[in-house]
């Protein structure tokens, strides 16, 4: 299954993971991997029950995955279902929160922030975006600047002009842009 997954032959990988599950019904990693295949095929409604089963069993994991991975991936699946709904965003938030409890990472905060943003809970989205910003040491400054724009949009929704200006300056600084010119334009 893993070999087919690496080749992006997801349908064939699903078949092999099914055979592994037949041999060992308590093989959480196989359920997780099968769910990941469905996710890559954008069959999110099929991925979620696989992640559910891997979480329920929570035994026999591989080096590349674990309970944390299942929560994160299930959260991604809920978030990815179109059309987006409040119910699925709440499920995604719950899963990202579980993941954060087990293993707080910048991407988990970022993704949970996106879900809160969708629900128009801008204060919680901003809190998660800030936590992402404080802990992210992987992404490029360009990526960070793009993501800071999301935070600026939330502050705009809340009408917090001081925060809009502060984070706009941070975004420009990340891009190596002239922050003084921004300040001059906003003071005129």
Foldseek 3Di string as FASTA:
>chain_A
DVVCVVVLVLVVLLVVLVVVCVVPVLQLQSLQSNLVSCVVVVVLVSSLVSLVSSLVSQDNHDPVDGNLSSLQVNLVSLCSDPPHDLVSLVSSLVSLVVSCVVPNALVSLQSNLVSCVVVLVLVSSLVSLVVSVVHDPDDALQVNLVSLVVNLVSCVVVVPVVVNLVSNLSSCVSVVHDNVVVVVVVVD
